[in-house]
């Protein structure tokens, strides 16, 4: 699984420690940002890519983020190439998917 720091802007607020990556087990891109402290744990208020093949392309997840009012900064050409290359690999179904518990 890759995880790369990016900057995400939303409603005049910036998260400098947001991340984007590719999860081979779910075969999806993911994006997380704007962590909210719940006392015992933190949870991102922006959390895309939690389901199997939810965002199969980088364009899919960027388009969804923009539609929700988020703008992603820091996607350099080299980072885009690295992410697309990782997503272009063939990944066999994991144990959870084979057992039908991942969807």
Protein backbone atom coordinates (compact mmCIF):
# COMPACT_ATOMS: atom_id res chain seq x y z
CA UNK A 1 0.00 0.00 0.00
CA UNK A 2 1.33 3.39 -0.89
CA UNK A 3 0.70 6.49 1.18
CA UNK A 4 1.89 9.92 0.06
CA UNK A 5 1.52 13.26 1.80
CA UNK A 6 -0.38 15.92 -0.12
CA UNK A 7 -2.01 19.22 0.73
CA UNK A 8 -5.81 19.38 0.60
CA UNK A 9 -7.82 22.59 0.73
CA UNK A 10 -11.47 22.82 1.76
CA UNK A 11 -13.62 25.83 2.66
CA UNK A 12 -10.60 28.06 3.28
CA UNK A 13 -8.84 25.50 5.48
CA UNK A 14 -5.71 23.57 4.50
CA UNK A 15 -4.57 20.15 5.69
CA UNK A 16 -0.83 19.92 5.03
CA UNK A 17 -0.70 16.32 6.26
CA UNK A 18 -3.42 14.76 4.13
CA UNK A 19 -2.58 11.64 2.16
CA UNK A 20 -3.36 9.86 -1.06
CA UNK A 21 -2.37 6.38 -2.10
CA UNK A 22 -3.33 3.08 -3.61
CA UNK A 23 -4.57 0.07 -1.64
CA UNK A 24 -3.80 -3.12 -3.61
CA UNK A 25 -6.00 -5.25 -1.33
CA UNK A 26 -9.06 -3.19 -2.19
CA UNK A 27 -7.76 -2.25 -5.65
CA UNK A 28 -8.71 1.36 -5.05
CA UNK A 29 -7.15 4.75 -4.62
CA UNK A 30 -7.77 6.32 -1.22
CA UNK A 31 -7.58 9.81 0.24
CA UNK A 32 -7.65 10.94 3.86
CA UNK A 33 -7.51 14.38 5.42
CA UNK A 34 -8.75 16.79 8.04
CA UNK A 35 -8.43 14.55 11.08
CA UNK A 36 -11.00 15.14 13.82
CA UNK A 37 -9.98 14.37 17.41
CA UNK A 38 -12.56 12.21 19.20
CA UNK A 39 -10.62 11.99 22.45
CA UNK A 40 -9.39 8.41 22.30
CA UNK A 41 -8.83 8.41 18.54
CA UNK A 42 -8.67 10.57 15.44
CA UNK A 43 -10.78 10.03 12.35
CA UNK A 44 -10.44 11.84 9.03
CA UNK A 45 -13.45 13.90 7.98
CA UNK A 46 -12.33 13.27 4.39
CA UNK A 47 -11.97 9.53 3.86
CA UNK A 48 -12.44 8.22 0.33
CA UNK A 49 -11.59 4.76 -0.97
CA UNK A 50 -12.77 2.35 1.70
CA UNK A 51 -14.57 -0.16 -0.53
CA UNK A 52 -13.42 -2.72 -3.07
CA UNK A 53 -12.59 -1.05 -6.42
CA UNK A 54 -14.35 2.15 -5.34
CA UNK A 55 -11.89 4.46 -7.14
CA UNK A 56 -10.01 2.41 -9.74
CA UNK A 57 -8.37 5.46 -11.32
CA UNK A 58 -6.62 8.50 -9.93
CA UNK A 59 -8.96 10.69 -11.96
CA UNK A 60 -11.99 9.07 -10.27
CA UNK A 61 -10.88 9.98 -6.76
CA UNK A 62 -9.72 13.50 -7.68
CA UNK A 63 -13.04 14.17 -9.44
CA UNK A 64 -15.00 12.94 -6.40
CA UNK A 65 -12.92 15.05 -4.01
CA UNK A 66 -13.46 18.15 -6.16
CA UNK A 67 -17.21 17.47 -6.35
CA UNK A 68 -17.24 17.53 -2.54
CA UNK A 69 -15.37 20.84 -2.40
CA UNK A 70 -11.83 19.56 -1.81
CA UNK A 71 -8.81 20.57 -3.88
CA UNK A 72 -5.69 18.39 -3.89
CA UNK A 73 -2.28 20.05 -4.19
CA UNK A 74 1.16 18.47 -4.40
CA UNK A 75 0.51 15.80 -7.02
CA UNK A 76 3.79 16.10 -8.88
CA UNK A 77 4.24 14.38 -12.25
CA UNK A 78 6.53 11.80 -10.62
CA UNK A 79 3.97 11.07 -7.90
CA UNK A 80 1.18 10.67 -10.46
CA UNK A 81 3.35 8.25 -12.46
CA UNK A 82 4.18 6.25 -9.32
CA UNK A 83 0.51 6.01 -8.28
CA UNK A 84 -0.72 5.08 -11.75
CA UNK A 85 2.04 2.49 -12.10
CA UNK A 86 1.09 0.89 -8.79
CA UNK A 87 -2.60 0.81 -9.74
CA UNK A 88 -1.75 -0.76 -13.10
CA UNK A 89 -0.42 -3.96 -11.54
CA UNK A 90 -2.51 -7.13 -11.39
CA UNK A 91 -3.51 -7.93 -7.82
CA UNK A 92 -5.05 -11.25 -6.88
CA UNK A 93 -8.05 -11.23 -4.54
CA UNK A 94 -7.09 -11.23 -0.87
CA UNK A 95 -8.39 -13.66 1.72
CA UNK A 96 -11.18 -11.30 2.81
CA UNK A 97 -12.42 -10.94 -0.73
CA UNK A 98 -12.24 -14.68 -1.36
CA UNK A 99 -14.28 -15.29 1.81
CA UNK A 100 -16.82 -12.67 0.76
CA UNK A 101 -16.26 -10.39 3.74
CA UNK A 102 -14.69 -7.52 1.77
CA UNK A 103 -16.94 -5.58 -0.55
